[in-house]
C-alpha atoms as a PDB file:
ATOM      1  CA  MET A   1       0.030   0.200   0.004  1.00  0.00           C
ATOM      2  CA  ARG A   2       2.894   2.224   0.652  1.00  0.00           C
ATOM      3  CA  THR A   3       3.682   1.930  -3.028  1.00  0.00           C
ATOM      4  CA  GLU A   4       0.229   3.227  -3.861  1.00  0.00           C
ATOM      5  CA  LEU A   5       0.878   6.141  -1.862  1.00  0.00           C
ATOM      6  CA  ILE A   6       3.905   7.332  -3.776  1.00  0.00           C
ATOM      7  CA  CYS A   7       2.176   6.677  -6.973  1.00  0.00           C
ATOM      8  CA  LEU A   8      -0.644   8.855  -5.933  1.00  0.00           C
ATOM      9  CA  SER A   9       1.538  11.301  -4.633  1.00  0.00           C
ATOM     10  CA  LEU A  10       3.162  11.694  -8.018  1.00  0.00           C
ATOM     11  CA  PHE A  11       0.162  11.800  -9.866  1.00  0.00           C
ATOM     12  CA  ILE A  12      -1.214  14.497  -7.743  1.00  0.00           C
ATOM     13  CA  ALA A  13       1.810  16.569  -7.709  1.00  0.00           C
ATOM     14  CA  ALA A  14       2.308  16.159 -11.588  1.00  0.00           C
ATOM     15  CA  VAL A  15      -0.904  17.561 -12.245  1.00  0.00           C
ATOM     16  CA  ALA A  16      -0.886  20.554  -9.857  1.00  0.00           C
ATOM     17  CA  GLY A  17       0.707  23.457 -10.141  1.00  0.00           C
ATOM     18  CA  ALA A  18       1.357  26.062 -12.844  1.00  0.00           C
ATOM     19  CA  ALA A  19       0.107  25.241 -16.456  1.00  0.00           C
ATOM     20  CA  ASN A  20       2.581  26.613 -19.046  1.00  0.00           C
ATOM     21  CA  GLU A  21       2.709  25.367 -22.365  1.00  0.00           C
ATOM     22  CA  GLY A  22       4.329  22.062 -22.341  1.00  0.00           C
ATOM     23  CA  TYR A  23       3.443  21.437 -18.847  1.00  0.00           C
ATOM     24  CA  TYR A  24       0.747  19.140 -17.556  1.00  0.00           C
ATOM     25  CA  LYS A  25      -2.735  20.841 -17.115  1.00  0.00           C
ATOM     26  CA  LEU A  26      -5.095  18.955 -15.417  1.00  0.00           C
ATOM     27  CA  ARG A  27      -8.163  19.637 -13.209  1.00  0.00           C
ATOM     28  CA  PHE A  28      -6.130  18.290 -10.401  1.00  0.00           C
ATOM     29  CA  ASP A  29      -4.089  21.380 -10.315  1.00  0.00           C
ATOM     30  CA  GLU A  30      -6.633  23.163  -8.412  1.00  0.00           C
ATOM     31  CA  LEU A  31      -6.961  20.847  -5.529  1.00  0.00           C
ATOM     32  CA  ASN A  32      -5.904  22.009  -2.056  1.00  0.00           C
ATOM     33  CA  LEU A  33      -3.524  19.304  -1.015  1.00  0.00           C
ATOM     34  CA  ASN A  34      -3.742  20.950   2.456  1.00  0.00           C
ATOM     35  CA  GLU A  35      -7.372  19.598   2.367  1.00  0.00           C
ATOM     36  CA  VAL A  36      -6.972  16.357   0.396  1.00  0.00           C
ATOM     37  CA  LEU A  37      -3.902  14.729   1.903  1.00  0.00           C
ATOM     38  CA  PRO A  38      -5.223  14.629   5.521  1.00  0.00           C
ATOM     39  CA  ASN A  39      -8.268  12.967   4.265  1.00  0.00           C
ATOM     40  CA  TYR A  40      -7.209   9.047   4.262  1.00  0.00           C
ATOM     41  CA  ARG A  41     -10.643   8.098   2.843  1.00  0.00           C
ATOM     42  CA  LEU A  42     -10.132  10.415  -0.313  1.00  0.00           C
ATOM     43  CA  VAL A  43      -6.630   9.677  -0.864  1.00  0.00           C
ATOM     44  CA  LYS A  44      -7.636   5.877  -0.689  1.00  0.00           C
ATOM     45  CA  SER A  45     -10.267   7.016  -3.355  1.00  0.00           C
ATOM     46  CA  TYR A  46      -7.708   8.466  -5.827  1.00  0.00           C
ATOM     47  CA  TYR A  47      -5.428   5.628  -5.145  1.00  0.00           C
ATOM     48  CA  LYS A  48      -7.936   2.804  -6.048  1.00  0.00           C
ATOM     49  CA  CYS A  49      -8.737   4.849  -9.060  1.00  0.00           C
ATOM     50  CA  ILE A  50      -5.227   5.200 -10.116  1.00  0.00           C
ATOM     51  CA  VAL A  51      -4.631   1.407 -10.001  1.00  0.00           C
ATOM     52  CA  GLY A  52      -7.785   0.691 -11.589  1.00  0.00           C
ATOM     53  CA  ALA A  53      -9.382  -0.722  -8.609  1.00  0.00           C
ATOM     54  CA  GLY A  54     -12.072   1.680  -8.185  1.00  0.00           C
ATOM     55  CA  ARG A  55     -14.482   4.439  -9.412  1.00  0.00           C
ATOM     56  CA  CYS A  56     -12.847   7.527 -10.770  1.00  0.00           C
ATOM     57  CA  THR A  57     -13.711  11.421 -10.476  1.00  0.00           C
ATOM     58  CA  LYS A  58     -12.703  13.372 -13.776  1.00  0.00           C
ATOM     59  CA  GLU A  59      -9.621  14.485 -11.864  1.00  0.00           C
ATOM     60  CA  GLY A  60      -8.720  10.430 -10.909  1.00  0.00           C
ATOM     61  CA  LYS A  61      -9.246   9.696 -14.737  1.00  0.00           C
ATOM     62  CA  GLU A  62      -6.679  12.693 -15.723  1.00  0.00           C
ATOM     63  CA  LEU A  63      -4.266  11.182 -13.336  1.00  0.00           C
ATOM     64  CA  ARG A  64      -4.395   7.745 -14.102  1.00  0.00           C
ATOM     65  CA  LYS A  65      -3.788   8.593 -17.788  1.00  0.00           C
ATOM     66  CA  VAL A  66      -0.586  10.592 -16.902  1.00  0.00           C
ATOM     67  CA  PHE A  67       0.601   9.063 -14.007  1.00  0.00           C
ATOM     68  CA  PRO A  68       3.094   6.203 -15.632  1.00  0.00           C
ATOM     69  CA  GLU A  69       4.378   8.826 -17.864  1.00  0.00           C
ATOM     70  CA  ILE A  70       5.348  10.964 -14.726  1.00  0.00           C
ATOM     71  CA  LEU A  71       7.171   8.090 -13.086  1.00  0.00           C
ATOM     72  CA  GLN A  72       8.926   7.226 -16.193  1.00  0.00           C
ATOM     73  CA  THR A  73       9.902  10.440 -17.526  1.00  0.00           C
ATOM     74  CA  LYS A  74      10.813  11.636 -13.636  1.00  0.00           C
ATOM     75  CA  CYS A  75       8.030  14.212 -14.487  1.00  0.00           C
ATOM     76  CA  GLN A  76       9.741  16.267 -17.175  1.00  0.00           C
ATOM     77  CA  ARG A  77       6.351  18.003 -18.359  1.00  0.00           C
ATOM     78  CA  CYS A  78       5.745  18.994 -14.829  1.00  0.00           C
ATOM     79  CA  SER A  79       6.239  22.735 -14.019  1.00  0.00           C
ATOM     80  CA  PRO A  80       8.490  23.719 -11.030  1.00  0.00           C
ATOM     81  CA  VAL A  81       5.423  24.242  -8.927  1.00  0.00           C
ATOM     82  CA  GLN A  82       4.042  20.665  -9.934  1.00  0.00           C
ATOM     83  CA  LYS A  83       7.142  19.292  -8.866  1.00  0.00           C
ATOM     84  CA  LYS A  84       7.207  20.918  -5.745  1.00  0.00           C
ATOM     85  CA  ARG A  85       3.533  19.741  -5.170  1.00  0.00           C
ATOM     86  CA  LEU A  86       4.603  16.225  -6.194  1.00  0.00           C
ATOM     87  CA  LYS A  87       7.027  16.292  -3.299  1.00  0.00           C
ATOM     88  CA  LYS A  88       4.842  17.231  -0.753  1.00  0.00           C
ATOM     89  CA  ILE A  89       2.517  14.533  -2.025  1.00  0.00           C
ATOM     90  CA  VAL A  90       5.301  11.947  -1.965  1.00  0.00           C
ATOM     91  CA  THR A  91       6.472  13.037   1.407  1.00  0.00           C
ATOM     92  CA  TYR A  92       3.080  12.882   2.927  1.00  0.00           C
ATOM     93  CA  LEU A  93       2.298   9.252   1.580  1.00  0.00           C
ATOM     94  CA  MET A  94       5.573   7.873   2.676  1.00  0.00           C
ATOM     95  CA  SER A  95       5.188   9.281   6.138  1.00  0.00           C
ATOM     96  CA  HIS A  96       1.408   9.023   6.843  1.00  0.00           C
ATOM     97  CA  TYR A  97       0.062   6.522   4.554  1.00  0.00           C
ATOM     98  CA  PRO A  98       2.632   3.843   3.804  1.00  0.00           C
ATOM     99  CA  ASP A  99       0.164   1.412   2.641  1.00  0.00           C
ATOM    100  CA  ILE A 100      -0.990   3.581  -0.235  1.00  0.00           C
ATOM    101  CA  TRP A 101       2.469   4.477  -1.125  1.00  0.00           C
ATOM    102  CA  ASP A 102       3.865   1.018  -1.337  1.00  0.00           C
ATOM    103  CA  GLY A 103       0.418  -0.071  -3.344  1.00  0.00           C
ATOM    104  CA  LEU A 104       1.409   2.440  -5.936  1.00  0.00           C
ATOM    105  CA  VAL A 105       5.144   1.266  -6.214  1.00  0.00           C
ATOM    106  CA  GLN A 106       4.266  -2.285  -6.735  1.00  0.00           C
ATOM    107  CA  LYS A 107       1.682  -1.338  -9.162  1.00  0.00           C
ATOM    108  CA  PHE A 108       3.518   1.052 -11.317  1.00  0.00           C
ATOM    109  CA  ASP A 109       7.622   0.168 -10.482  1.00  0.00           C
ATOM    110  CA  PRO A 110       7.803  -3.560  -9.025  1.00  0.00           C
ATOM    111  CA  THR A 111      11.445  -3.419  -9.340  1.00  0.00           C
ATOM    112  CA  GLY A 112      11.895  -0.100  -7.464  1.00  0.00           C
ATOM    113  CA  VAL A 113      14.391   1.490 -10.011  1.00  0.00           C
ATOM    114  CA  LEU A 114      12.202   4.279 -11.144  1.00  0.00           C
ATOM    115  CA  THR A 115      11.166   5.429  -7.302  1.00  0.00           C
ATOM    116  CA  LYS A 116      14.536   4.898  -6.188  1.00  0.00           C
ATOM    117  CA  ASP A 117      15.892   7.353  -9.004  1.00  0.00           C
ATOM    118  CA  MET A 118      13.193   9.637  -8.360  1.00  0.00           C
ATOM    119  CA  LEU A 119      13.741   9.960  -4.872  1.00  0.00           C
ATOM    120  CA  THR A 120      17.263  10.362  -5.058  1.00  0.00           C
ATOM    121  CA  ASP A 121      17.597  12.686  -7.742  1.00  0.00           C
ATOM    122  CA  PRO A 122      18.543  16.239  -6.688  1.00  0.00           C
ATOM    123  CA  ASN A 123      17.280  17.805  -9.976  1.00  0.00           C
ATOM    124  CA  PHE A 124      13.855  15.881  -9.388  1.00  0.00           C
ATOM    125  CA  LEU A 125      12.484  15.845  -6.087  1.00  0.00           C
ATOM    126  CA  GLY A 126      15.735  16.521  -4.310  1.00  0.00           C
ATOM    127  CA  LYS A 127      16.285  14.624  -1.121  1.00  0.00           C
ATOM    128  CA  VAL A 128      12.960  13.114   0.244  1.00  0.00           C
ATOM    129  CA  ASP A 129      12.677  12.465   3.873  1.00  0.00           C
ATOM    130  CA  ARG A 130      11.588   8.781   4.474  1.00  0.00           C
ATOM    131  CA  ARG A 131      11.149   8.912   7.946  1.00  0.00           C
ATOM    132  CA  ARG A 132       7.474   8.093   9.330  1.00  0.00           C
ATOM    133  CA  ARG A 133       5.798  10.396  11.136  1.00  0.00           C
ATOM    134  CA  VAL A 134       3.386   9.563  14.187  1.00  0.00           C
ATOM    135  CA  SER A 135      -0.085  10.804  14.004  1.00  0.00           C
ATOM    136  CA  SER A 136      -1.215  12.873  17.193  1.00  0.00           C
END
């Protein structure tokens, strides 16, 4: 499930932020991550959509379509703002919803090569804090 969260994070971040030409421009760009990320049920529903195990909103369908490309290309078509949002999502998923993160990784990167590259590339996400935080 931790993989699912990573994938979901990548999707959300990739579609969020500035929408300059060449960058992803999706409905997901308008989502308030500070409201979405703490809501496990909402994050889980996006995850299920992305991995093909549940119903999808319009935003979810867009994410499901571009997510594999985002992972494979290290988000080349993401704006700087989208990359910043992606880092926020990945960090949040890894620390708060490891089950979703693991599910995303299992589905889209079973060997772990792409996510390892993504998490360690200073030009992509920079150093991502992998420590888990305890919810209070």
